[in-house]
Amino acid sequence: MTDNFLGELRFFSFGRVPRGWLPCNGQILTIQQYQALFALIQNTYGGDGKVNFALPDLRGRVAVGMGQSAAGGTIFQRGKTGGSETVTLTATQIPPHVHEVIASQSTATTAQAPSNNYIGVATASPAGTQPFNLYAPSPTSSTDSNWVQLHSSTISSSGGAVPHENRQPVIALQACIATQGLWPSRD
């Protein structure tokens, strides 16, 4: 293996952590035991900075280069996290849309909604003892004269109830940080 720098991050395709490396899982280390690594990363990723410090936690995260984004907007500071695994959309984020309502001019024969039946001409039962019949058998073809053209109607906006996953395609690898290695000298 080529020489690595102390504090260097690498992804490994195998499921174990090599000697001289630790997993990037946010664990807390003592400064006394890992003085050289602490000298490089300080408590950027957590810990009190007096007795302990934390390793970066890359579980379920994507690394991004620090600095201002190429588009000139977001500034990414070293060690800061952002984004979210799930997002709940609000009604203002969902475009309006239309649902077609299909109905038939045939006389309704049932109050239940069996498959292949459509809204039909409602019929009441004698003396109101039964619910209204609302569903009629499906017309036999798309040119059947029993089809009724209804006005297009939009439904009210909805959303914001259940979050959906908000993640780019990923592959899980073992992210590790070098606890031993060459000291990274400055230019």
N, C-alpha and C. Protein backbone atom coordinates (compact mmCIF):
# COMPACT_ATOMS: atom_id res chain seq x y z
N MET A 1 0.86 -1.18 0.00
CA MET A 1 0.00 0.00 0.00
C MET A 1 0.89 1.24 0.00
N THR A 2 0.52 2.24 -0.73
CA THR A 2 1.30 3.47 -0.77
C THR A 2 1.16 4.20 0.55
N ASP A 3 2.13 5.07 0.81
CA ASP A 3 2.07 5.84 2.05
C ASP A 3 0.85 6.74 2.02
N ASN A 4 0.23 6.86 3.17
CA ASN A 4 -0.93 7.74 3.28
C ASN A 4 -0.60 8.87 4.24
N PHE A 5 -1.40 9.92 4.17
CA PHE A 5 -1.27 11.03 5.10
C PHE A 5 -2.10 10.76 6.35
N LEU A 6 -1.62 11.20 7.48
CA LEU A 6 -2.39 11.18 8.71
C LEU A 6 -3.64 12.03 8.50
N GLY A 7 -4.80 11.52 8.85
CA GLY A 7 -6.05 12.26 8.69
C GLY A 7 -6.69 12.11 7.32
N GLU A 8 -6.03 11.39 6.43
CA GLU A 8 -6.57 11.16 5.08
C GLU A 8 -7.82 10.28 5.16
N LEU A 9 -8.79 10.57 4.32
CA LEU A 9 -9.99 9.73 4.22
C LEU A 9 -9.88 8.86 2.98
N ARG A 10 -10.29 7.61 3.13
CA ARG A 10 -10.34 6.70 1.98
C ARG A 10 -11.59 5.84 2.09
N PHE A 11 -12.07 5.43 0.94
CA PHE A 11 -13.17 4.48 0.88
C PHE A 11 -12.60 3.12 0.48
N PHE A 12 -13.03 2.08 1.20
CA PHE A 12 -12.57 0.73 0.93
C PHE A 12 -13.74 -0.13 0.50
N SER A 13 -13.47 -1.03 -0.45
CA SER A 13 -14.53 -1.90 -0.98
C SER A 13 -14.76 -3.12 -0.10
N PHE A 14 -13.85 -3.39 0.81
CA PHE A 14 -14.02 -4.53 1.71
C PHE A 14 -14.66 -4.07 3.01
N GLY A 15 -15.19 -4.99 3.78
CA GLY A 15 -15.99 -4.63 4.94
C GLY A 15 -15.25 -4.51 6.26
N ARG A 16 -13.94 -4.47 6.24
CA ARG A 16 -13.21 -4.32 7.50
C ARG A 16 -12.35 -3.06 7.45
N VAL A 17 -11.93 -2.63 8.63
CA VAL A 17 -11.12 -1.42 8.75
C VAL A 17 -9.65 -1.83 8.83
N PRO A 18 -8.80 -1.32 7.93
CA PRO A 18 -7.38 -1.70 7.95
C PRO A 18 -6.67 -1.16 9.20
N ARG A 19 -5.57 -1.80 9.55
CA ARG A 19 -4.75 -1.36 10.68
C ARG A 19 -4.25 0.06 10.39
N GLY A 20 -4.30 0.91 11.40
CA GLY A 20 -3.86 2.30 11.23
C GLY A 20 -4.95 3.23 10.73
N TRP A 21 -6.17 2.71 10.63
CA TRP A 21 -7.33 3.48 10.17
C TRP A 21 -8.47 3.26 11.15
N LEU A 22 -9.43 4.17 11.17
CA LEU A 22 -10.66 4.01 11.95
C LEU A 22 -11.85 4.35 11.05
N PRO A 23 -13.01 3.76 11.33
CA PRO A 23 -14.18 4.07 10.50
C PRO A 23 -14.65 5.51 10.73
N CYS A 24 -15.11 6.15 9.68
CA CYS A 24 -15.66 7.50 9.79
C CYS A 24 -17.12 7.39 10.22
N ASN A 25 -17.31 7.12 11.51
CA ASN A 25 -18.66 6.91 12.04
C ASN A 25 -19.00 7.86 13.19
N GLY A 26 -18.24 8.94 13.31
CA GLY A 26 -18.53 9.94 14.32
C GLY A 26 -18.09 9.58 15.73
N GLN A 27 -17.32 8.51 15.88
CA GLN A 27 -16.93 8.10 17.23
C GLN A 27 -16.05 9.14 17.91
N ILE A 28 -16.13 9.16 19.23
CA ILE A 28 -15.36 10.09 20.05
C ILE A 28 -14.04 9.42 20.43
N LEU A 29 -12.93 10.14 20.24
CA LEU A 29 -11.60 9.65 20.60
C LEU A 29 -11.00 10.56 21.66
N THR A 30 -10.07 10.01 22.45
CA THR A 30 -9.39 10.86 23.43
C THR A 30 -8.22 11.57 22.75
N ILE A 31 -8.04 12.81 23.10
CA ILE A 31 -6.93 13.59 22.55
C ILE A 31 -5.60 12.96 22.95
N GLN A 32 -5.53 12.49 24.20
CA GLN A 32 -4.30 11.90 24.71
C GLN A 32 -3.84 10.71 23.85
N GLN A 33 -4.76 9.89 23.38
CA GLN A 33 -4.41 8.70 22.60
C GLN A 33 -4.13 9.02 21.13
N TYR A 34 -4.74 10.08 20.60
CA TYR A 34 -4.61 10.41 19.17
C TYR A 34 -4.19 11.88 19.00
N GLN A 35 -3.08 12.26 19.66
CA GLN A 35 -2.64 13.66 19.66
C GLN A 35 -2.35 14.20 18.26
N ALA A 36 -1.66 13.43 17.44
CA ALA A 36 -1.30 13.91 16.10
C ALA A 36 -2.54 14.13 15.23
N LEU A 37 -3.48 13.19 15.28
CA LEU A 37 -4.72 13.34 14.50
C LEU A 37 -5.51 14.54 15.00
N PHE A 38 -5.57 14.72 16.33
CA PHE A 38 -6.28 15.87 16.89
C PHE A 38 -5.63 17.18 16.43
N ALA A 39 -4.30 17.20 16.34
CA ALA A 39 -3.60 18.42 15.91
C ALA A 39 -4.05 18.83 14.50
N LEU A 40 -4.45 17.87 13.69
CA LEU A 40 -4.90 18.18 12.33
C LEU A 40 -6.37 18.56 12.25
N ILE A 41 -7.24 17.77 12.88
CA ILE A 41 -8.68 17.99 12.67
C ILE A 41 -9.36 18.70 13.84
N GLN A 42 -8.64 18.86 14.97
CA GLN A 42 -9.20 19.53 16.15
C GLN A 42 -10.56 18.90 16.51
N ASN A 43 -11.49 19.72 16.94
CA ASN A 43 -12.84 19.19 17.25
C ASN A 43 -13.84 19.67 16.19
N THR A 44 -13.40 19.74 14.96
CA THR A 44 -14.24 20.16 13.83
C THR A 44 -15.50 19.32 13.71
N TYR A 45 -15.40 18.03 14.02
CA TYR A 45 -16.52 17.10 13.81
C TYR A 45 -17.21 16.73 15.12
N GLY A 46 -16.85 17.40 16.21
CA GLY A 46 -17.49 17.15 17.50
C GLY A 46 -16.47 16.91 18.60
N GLY A 47 -16.98 16.69 19.80
CA GLY A 47 -16.13 16.53 20.97
C GLY A 47 -15.94 17.87 21.66
N ASP A 48 -15.32 17.82 22.85
CA ASP A 48 -15.17 19.06 23.62
C ASP A 48 -13.89 19.81 23.29
N GLY A 49 -12.93 19.19 22.59
CA GLY A 49 -11.70 19.87 22.22
C GLY A 49 -10.72 20.01 23.36
N LYS A 50 -11.08 19.52 24.54
CA LYS A 50 -10.19 19.57 25.71
C LYS A 50 -9.72 18.18 26.09
N VAL A 51 -10.64 17.24 26.11
CA VAL A 51 -10.33 15.86 26.47
C VAL A 51 -10.55 14.93 25.28
N ASN A 52 -11.52 15.27 24.43
CA ASN A 52 -11.86 14.37 23.33
C ASN A 52 -12.21 15.14 22.06
N PHE A 53 -12.31 14.41 20.99
CA PHE A 53 -12.73 14.95 19.70
C PHE A 53 -13.42 13.83 18.93
N ALA A 54 -14.18 14.21 17.90
CA ALA A 54 -14.93 13.22 17.13
C ALA A 54 -14.36 13.08 15.72
N LEU A 55 -14.52 11.89 15.19
CA LEU A 55 -14.17 11.64 13.79
C LEU A 55 -15.34 12.08 12.91
N PRO A 56 -15.10 12.36 11.65
CA PRO A 56 -16.22 12.66 10.75
C PRO A 56 -17.18 11.47 10.70
N ASP A 57 -18.45 11.76 10.54
CA ASP A 57 -19.46 10.69 10.42
C ASP A 57 -19.98 10.71 8.99
N LEU A 58 -19.52 9.77 8.18
CA LEU A 58 -19.92 9.72 6.78
C LEU A 58 -21.01 8.68 6.51
N ARG A 59 -21.57 8.11 7.56
CA ARG A 59 -22.64 7.13 7.36
C ARG A 59 -23.85 7.83 6.75
N GLY A 60 -24.27 7.38 5.58
CA GLY A 60 -25.43 7.95 4.91
C GLY A 60 -25.22 9.36 4.39
N ARG A 61 -23.98 9.79 4.27
CA ARG A 61 -23.67 11.15 3.82
C ARG A 61 -22.83 11.14 2.56
N VAL A 62 -22.86 12.22 1.85
CA VAL A 62 -22.02 12.42 0.67
C VAL A 62 -21.07 13.56 0.99
N ALA A 63 -19.79 13.35 0.75
CA ALA A 63 -18.80 14.40 0.98
C ALA A 63 -18.88 15.44 -0.14
N VAL A 64 -18.65 16.69 0.21
CA VAL A 64 -18.66 17.78 -0.77
C VAL A 64 -17.43 18.65 -0.50
N GLY A 65 -16.82 19.18 -1.55
CA GLY A 65 -15.66 20.04 -1.37
C GLY A 65 -16.03 21.32 -0.64
N MET A 66 -15.15 21.75 0.28
CA MET A 66 -15.46 22.96 1.04
C MET A 66 -15.19 24.19 0.20
N GLY A 67 -15.83 25.29 0.58
CA GLY A 67 -15.73 26.54 -0.15
C GLY A 67 -17.07 26.90 -0.76
N GLN A 68 -17.08 27.96 -1.56
CA GLN A 68 -18.32 28.39 -2.19
C GLN A 68 -18.62 27.51 -3.40
N SER A 69 -19.90 27.18 -3.56
CA SER A 69 -20.30 26.33 -4.69
C SER A 69 -19.98 27.02 -6.01
N ALA A 70 -19.82 26.21 -7.05
CA ALA A 70 -19.48 26.74 -8.38
C ALA A 70 -20.52 27.73 -8.88
N ALA A 71 -21.76 27.53 -8.47
CA ALA A 71 -22.84 28.44 -8.89
C ALA A 71 -22.79 29.76 -8.12
N GLY A 72 -21.91 29.84 -7.12
CA GLY A 72 -21.75 31.08 -6.37
C GLY A 72 -22.74 31.27 -5.24
N GLY A 73 -23.47 30.24 -4.89
CA GLY A 73 -24.47 30.38 -3.82
C GLY A 73 -23.96 29.89 -2.48
N THR A 74 -24.19 28.64 -2.20
CA THR A 74 -23.89 28.06 -0.90
C THR A 74 -22.40 28.05 -0.60
N ILE A 75 -22.06 28.37 0.65
CA ILE A 75 -20.69 28.26 1.12
C ILE A 75 -20.63 27.04 2.04
N PHE A 76 -19.79 26.08 1.69
CA PHE A 76 -19.65 24.86 2.48
C PHE A 76 -18.42 24.99 3.37
N GLN A 77 -18.66 25.02 4.69
CA GLN A 77 -17.57 25.14 5.66
C GLN A 77 -17.13 23.75 6.10
N ARG A 78 -15.82 23.59 6.33
CA ARG A 78 -15.27 22.30 6.74
C ARG A 78 -15.97 21.78 7.99
N GLY A 79 -16.45 20.56 7.90
CA GLY A 79 -17.07 19.90 9.05
C GLY A 79 -18.55 20.18 9.23
N LYS A 80 -19.10 21.13 8.50
CA LYS A 80 -20.53 21.44 8.64
C LYS A 80 -21.35 20.45 7.81
N THR A 81 -22.50 20.10 8.33
CA THR A 81 -23.38 19.17 7.62
C THR A 81 -24.57 19.93 7.06
N GLY A 82 -25.24 19.31 6.12
CA GLY A 82 -26.41 19.93 5.52
C GLY A 82 -27.23 18.90 4.78
N GLY A 83 -28.31 19.34 4.23
CA GLY A 83 -29.19 18.44 3.49
C GLY A 83 -30.08 17.63 4.41
N SER A 84 -30.87 16.77 3.82
CA SER A 84 -31.77 15.94 4.60
C SER A 84 -32.10 14.68 3.82
N GLU A 85 -32.26 13.58 4.54
CA GLU A 85 -32.53 12.30 3.89
C GLU A 85 -33.94 12.22 3.34
N THR A 86 -34.88 12.90 3.98
CA THR A 86 -36.26 12.89 3.51
C THR A 86 -36.79 14.31 3.46
N VAL A 87 -37.79 14.52 2.62
CA VAL A 87 -38.42 15.83 2.46
C VAL A 87 -39.92 15.64 2.43
N THR A 88 -40.63 16.49 3.16
CA THR A 88 -42.09 16.50 3.08
C THR A 88 -42.49 17.67 2.20
N LEU A 89 -43.13 17.37 1.08
CA LEU A 89 -43.54 18.42 0.16
C LEU A 89 -44.75 19.17 0.71
N THR A 90 -44.79 20.46 0.48
CA THR A 90 -45.95 21.25 0.86
C THR A 90 -46.84 21.43 -0.37
N ALA A 91 -48.04 21.90 -0.16
CA ALA A 91 -48.99 22.08 -1.26
C ALA A 91 -48.44 23.04 -2.32
N THR A 92 -47.63 24.02 -1.92
CA THR A 92 -47.09 24.98 -2.89
C THR A 92 -46.00 24.37 -3.77
N GLN A 93 -45.46 23.22 -3.38
CA GLN A 93 -44.41 22.56 -4.17
C GLN A 93 -44.97 21.50 -5.12
N ILE A 94 -46.26 21.24 -5.05
CA ILE A 94 -46.89 20.22 -5.89
C ILE A 94 -47.68 20.94 -6.98
N PRO A 95 -47.39 20.66 -8.25
CA PRO A 95 -48.11 21.37 -9.31
C PRO A 95 -49.58 20.95 -9.34
N PRO A 96 -50.47 21.88 -9.72
CA PRO A 96 -51.88 21.50 -9.85
C PRO A 96 -52.03 20.47 -10.97
N HIS A 97 -53.00 19.61 -10.82
CA HIS A 97 -53.23 18.60 -11.84
C HIS A 97 -54.71 18.27 -11.91
N VAL A 98 -55.10 17.61 -12.98
CA VAL A 98 -56.51 17.33 -13.25
C VAL A 98 -56.72 15.82 -13.27
N HIS A 99 -57.84 15.39 -12.70
CA HIS A 99 -58.25 13.99 -12.77
C HIS A 99 -59.53 13.91 -13.57
N GLU A 100 -59.57 12.99 -14.49
CA GLU A 100 -60.77 12.81 -15.31
C GLU A 100 -61.80 12.03 -14.50
N VAL A 101 -63.04 12.49 -14.53
CA VAL A 101 -64.15 11.77 -13.90
C VAL A 101 -64.96 11.14 -15.02
N ILE A 102 -65.19 9.83 -14.93
CA ILE A 102 -65.93 9.12 -15.97
C ILE A 102 -67.29 8.73 -15.41
N ALA A 103 -68.33 8.99 -16.18
CA ALA A 103 -69.69 8.65 -15.75
C ALA A 103 -70.48 8.10 -16.93
N SER A 104 -71.61 7.52 -16.61
CA SER A 104 -72.47 6.91 -17.62
C SER A 104 -73.88 7.46 -17.48
N GLN A 105 -74.63 7.54 -18.59
CA GLN A 105 -76.03 7.94 -18.54
C GLN A 105 -76.94 6.77 -18.18
N SER A 106 -76.38 5.59 -18.06
CA SER A 106 -77.19 4.42 -17.71
C SER A 106 -77.75 4.58 -16.31
N THR A 107 -78.89 3.95 -16.08
CA THR A 107 -79.51 4.00 -14.76
C THR A 107 -78.66 3.22 -13.77
N ALA A 108 -78.42 3.83 -12.63
CA ALA A 108 -77.63 3.18 -11.58
C ALA A 108 -78.39 1.98 -11.04
N THR A 109 -77.65 0.90 -10.80
CA THR A 109 -78.30 -0.34 -10.34
C THR A 109 -77.80 -0.80 -8.99
N THR A 110 -76.78 -0.16 -8.43
CA THR A 110 -76.24 -0.60 -7.15
C THR A 110 -75.70 0.59 -6.36
N ALA A 111 -75.71 0.43 -5.04
CA ALA A 111 -75.15 1.47 -4.17
C ALA A 111 -73.67 1.22 -3.92
N GLN A 112 -73.19 0.02 -4.19
CA GLN A 112 -71.79 -0.34 -4.00
C GLN A 112 -71.00 0.02 -5.25
N ALA A 113 -69.71 0.06 -5.15
CA ALA A 113 -68.87 0.42 -6.29
C ALA A 113 -68.07 -0.80 -6.74
N PRO A 114 -68.73 -1.76 -7.42
CA PRO A 114 -67.98 -2.91 -7.91
C PRO A 114 -67.05 -2.51 -9.04
N SER A 115 -66.09 -3.36 -9.35
CA SER A 115 -65.15 -3.03 -10.42
C SER A 115 -65.88 -2.93 -11.75
N ASN A 116 -65.33 -2.13 -12.63
CA ASN A 116 -65.87 -1.90 -13.98
C ASN A 116 -67.26 -1.27 -13.97
N ASN A 117 -67.60 -0.54 -12.93
CA ASN A 117 -68.85 0.22 -12.89
C ASN A 117 -68.48 1.69 -12.78
N TYR A 118 -69.38 2.55 -13.25
CA TYR A 118 -69.13 3.98 -13.25
C TYR A 118 -70.29 4.69 -12.59
N ILE A 119 -70.08 5.97 -12.28
CA ILE A 119 -71.17 6.76 -11.73
C ILE A 119 -72.28 6.80 -12.78
N GLY A 120 -73.49 6.48 -12.33
CA GLY A 120 -74.63 6.45 -13.25
C GLY A 120 -75.71 7.42 -12.80
N VAL A 121 -76.88 7.36 -13.44
CA VAL A 121 -78.02 8.20 -13.06
C VAL A 121 -78.58 7.62 -11.77
N ALA A 122 -78.55 8.42 -10.70
CA ALA A 122 -78.95 7.92 -9.38
C ALA A 122 -80.43 7.57 -9.34
N THR A 123 -80.72 6.50 -8.64
CA THR A 123 -82.12 6.09 -8.42
C THR A 123 -82.31 5.83 -6.95
N ALA A 124 -83.43 6.31 -6.42
CA ALA A 124 -83.71 6.12 -5.00
C ALA A 124 -84.53 4.86 -4.79
N SER A 125 -84.32 4.25 -3.64
CA SER A 125 -85.13 3.08 -3.30
C SER A 125 -86.45 3.55 -2.70
N PRO A 126 -87.48 2.68 -2.67
CA PRO A 126 -88.78 3.08 -2.14
C PRO A 126 -88.68 3.52 -0.69
N ALA A 127 -89.32 4.61 -0.39
CA ALA A 127 -89.45 5.15 0.98
C ALA A 127 -88.11 5.35 1.67
N GLY A 128 -87.06 5.49 0.91
CA GLY A 128 -85.75 5.78 1.49
C GLY A 128 -85.21 4.70 2.40
N THR A 129 -85.60 3.45 2.18
CA THR A 129 -85.13 2.37 3.06
C THR A 129 -83.72 1.91 2.73
N GLN A 130 -83.26 2.15 1.53
CA GLN A 130 -81.93 1.73 1.09
C GLN A 130 -81.15 2.96 0.64
N PRO A 131 -79.84 2.85 0.57
CA PRO A 131 -79.07 3.98 0.03
C PRO A 131 -79.37 4.16 -1.45
N PHE A 132 -79.07 5.35 -1.94
CA PHE A 132 -79.23 5.62 -3.37
C PHE A 132 -78.35 4.69 -4.18
N ASN A 133 -78.86 4.27 -5.33
CA ASN A 133 -78.03 3.55 -6.29
C ASN A 133 -77.26 4.59 -7.09
N LEU A 134 -75.95 4.49 -7.06
CA LEU A 134 -75.10 5.47 -7.74
C LEU A 134 -74.29 4.89 -8.89
N TYR A 135 -74.14 3.57 -8.97
CA TYR A 135 -73.22 2.97 -9.93
C TYR A 135 -73.95 2.16 -10.98
N ALA A 136 -73.54 2.34 -12.23
CA ALA A 136 -74.13 1.63 -13.36
C ALA A 136 -73.05 0.79 -14.03
N PRO A 137 -73.45 -0.27 -14.74
CA PRO A 137 -72.47 -1.08 -15.46
C PRO A 137 -71.72 -0.22 -16.48
N SER A 138 -70.51 -0.62 -16.76
CA SER A 138 -69.68 0.10 -17.72
C SER A 138 -70.30 0.06 -19.10
N PRO A 139 -70.32 1.21 -19.82
CA PRO A 139 -70.74 1.17 -21.22
C PRO A 139 -69.85 0.19 -21.98
N THR A 140 -70.36 -0.37 -23.05
CA THR A 140 -69.67 -1.46 -23.74
C THR A 140 -68.47 -1.03 -24.56
N SER A 141 -68.38 0.22 -24.98
CA SER A 141 -67.22 0.67 -25.75
C SER A 141 -67.05 2.17 -25.56
N SER A 142 -65.92 2.68 -26.04
CA SER A 142 -65.65 4.11 -25.88
C SER A 142 -66.57 4.97 -26.74
N THR A 143 -67.25 4.37 -27.70
CA THR A 143 -68.18 5.13 -28.55
C THR A 143 -69.63 4.94 -28.11
N ASP A 144 -69.85 4.18 -27.04
CA ASP A 144 -71.20 3.93 -26.52
C ASP A 144 -71.86 5.27 -26.18
N SER A 145 -73.11 5.44 -26.55
CA SER A 145 -73.82 6.71 -26.33
C SER A 145 -74.15 6.95 -24.86
N ASN A 146 -73.93 5.97 -24.00
CA ASN A 146 -74.22 6.16 -22.57
C ASN A 146 -73.11 6.91 -21.83
N TRP A 147 -71.95 7.10 -22.45
CA TRP A 147 -70.90 7.88 -21.80
C TRP A 147 -71.37 9.33 -21.66
N VAL A 148 -70.97 9.98 -20.59
CA VAL A 148 -71.33 11.37 -20.35
C VAL A 148 -70.05 12.19 -20.30
N GLN A 149 -70.00 13.29 -21.01
CA GLN A 149 -68.86 14.18 -20.98
C GLN A 149 -69.03 15.10 -19.78
N LEU A 150 -68.11 15.05 -18.84
CA LEU A 150 -68.17 15.90 -17.66
C LEU A 150 -67.15 17.02 -17.80
N HIS A 151 -67.35 18.07 -17.06
CA HIS A 151 -66.43 19.19 -17.05
C HIS A 151 -65.13 18.77 -16.37
N SER A 152 -63.99 19.15 -16.96
CA SER A 152 -62.71 18.87 -16.31
C SER A 152 -62.70 19.58 -14.97
N SER A 153 -62.21 18.91 -13.99
CA SER A 153 -62.23 19.48 -12.65
C SER A 153 -60.90 19.23 -11.96
N THR A 154 -60.38 20.23 -11.31
CA THR A 154 -59.15 20.04 -10.56
C THR A 154 -59.50 19.67 -9.13
N ILE A 155 -58.59 18.97 -8.52
CA ILE A 155 -58.79 18.65 -7.11
C ILE A 155 -58.02 19.67 -6.30
N SER A 156 -58.35 19.79 -5.04
CA SER A 156 -57.64 20.75 -4.21
C SER A 156 -56.22 20.26 -3.97
N SER A 157 -55.32 21.20 -3.77
CA SER A 157 -53.92 20.85 -3.52
C SER A 157 -53.82 20.09 -2.21
N SER A 158 -52.93 19.13 -2.21
CA SER A 158 -52.66 18.41 -0.97
C SER A 158 -51.19 18.07 -0.94
N GLY A 159 -50.74 17.60 0.17
CA GLY A 159 -49.34 17.26 0.35
C GLY A 159 -48.90 17.64 1.74
N GLY A 160 -47.66 17.40 2.03
CA GLY A 160 -47.13 17.76 3.33
C GLY A 160 -47.42 16.74 4.40
N ALA A 161 -47.95 15.59 4.05
CA ALA A 161 -48.30 14.62 5.07
C ALA A 161 -47.22 13.58 5.31
N VAL A 162 -46.61 13.08 4.25
CA VAL A 162 -45.66 11.99 4.38
C VAL A 162 -44.36 12.36 3.66
N PRO A 163 -43.22 12.25 4.35
CA PRO A 163 -41.97 12.56 3.67
C PRO A 163 -41.60 11.50 2.65
N HIS A 164 -40.89 11.91 1.61
CA HIS A 164 -40.37 10.96 0.64
C HIS A 164 -38.85 11.02 0.69
N GLU A 165 -38.21 9.94 0.28
CA GLU A 165 -36.75 9.90 0.31
C GLU A 165 -36.18 10.90 -0.68
N ASN A 166 -35.13 11.55 -0.27
CA ASN A 166 -34.51 12.60 -1.07
C ASN A 166 -33.03 12.28 -1.21
N ARG A 167 -32.70 11.25 -1.99
CA ARG A 167 -31.32 10.80 -2.05
C ARG A 167 -30.91 10.48 -3.49
N GLN A 168 -29.72 10.92 -3.84
CA GLN A 168 -29.18 10.55 -5.14
C GLN A 168 -28.80 9.07 -5.11
N PRO A 169 -28.60 8.44 -6.25
CA PRO A 169 -28.18 7.04 -6.25
C PRO A 169 -26.85 6.89 -5.50
N VAL A 170 -26.72 5.85 -4.70
CA VAL A 170 -25.53 5.68 -3.87
C VAL A 170 -25.02 4.25 -3.96
N ILE A 171 -23.79 4.06 -3.49
CA ILE A 171 -23.23 2.74 -3.23
C ILE A 171 -22.50 2.85 -1.90
N ALA A 172 -22.74 1.91 -1.02
CA ALA A 172 -22.15 1.95 0.32
C ALA A 172 -20.75 1.34 0.30
N LEU A 173 -19.78 2.08 0.80
CA LEU A 173 -18.40 1.63 0.94
C LEU A 173 -17.94 1.94 2.36
N GLN A 174 -16.85 1.33 2.78
CA GLN A 174 -16.30 1.57 4.11
C GLN A 174 -15.47 2.85 4.08
N ALA A 175 -15.94 3.91 4.73
CA ALA A 175 -15.21 5.18 4.81
C ALA A 175 -14.33 5.14 6.05
N CYS A 176 -13.04 5.42 5.88
CA CYS A 176 -12.10 5.36 7.00
C CYS A 176 -11.20 6.59 7.00
N ILE A 177 -10.65 6.88 8.18
CA ILE A 177 -9.69 7.97 8.35
C ILE A 177 -8.39 7.37 8.88
N ALA A 178 -7.27 7.85 8.36
CA ALA A 178 -5.96 7.35 8.77
C ALA A 178 -5.58 7.93 10.13
N THR A 179 -5.26 7.04 11.07
CA THR A 179 -4.80 7.46 12.40
C THR A 179 -3.28 7.38 12.48
N GLN A 180 -2.66 6.86 11.43
CA GLN A 180 -1.20 6.78 11.32
C GLN A 180 -0.85 7.18 9.89
N GLY A 181 0.31 7.75 9.71
CA GLY A 181 0.73 8.10 8.36
C GLY A 181 1.64 9.30 8.34
N LEU A 182 1.95 9.77 7.16
CA LEU A 182 2.83 10.92 6.98
C LEU A 182 2.13 12.20 7.42
N TRP A 183 2.90 13.08 8.04
CA TRP A 183 2.34 14.39 8.41
C TRP A 183 2.18 15.21 7.13
N PRO A 184 0.97 15.74 6.87
CA PRO A 184 0.75 16.52 5.64
C PRO A 184 1.37 17.91 5.77
N SER A 185 2.53 18.12 5.13
CA SER A 185 3.20 19.42 5.22
C SER A 185 2.48 20.43 4.34
N ARG A 186 2.64 21.69 4.69
CA ARG A 186 2.02 22.78 3.91
C ARG A 186 2.89 23.09 2.69
N ASP A 187 2.29 23.73 1.70
CA ASP A 187 3.05 24.17 0.51
C ASP A 187 4.13 25.13 0.90
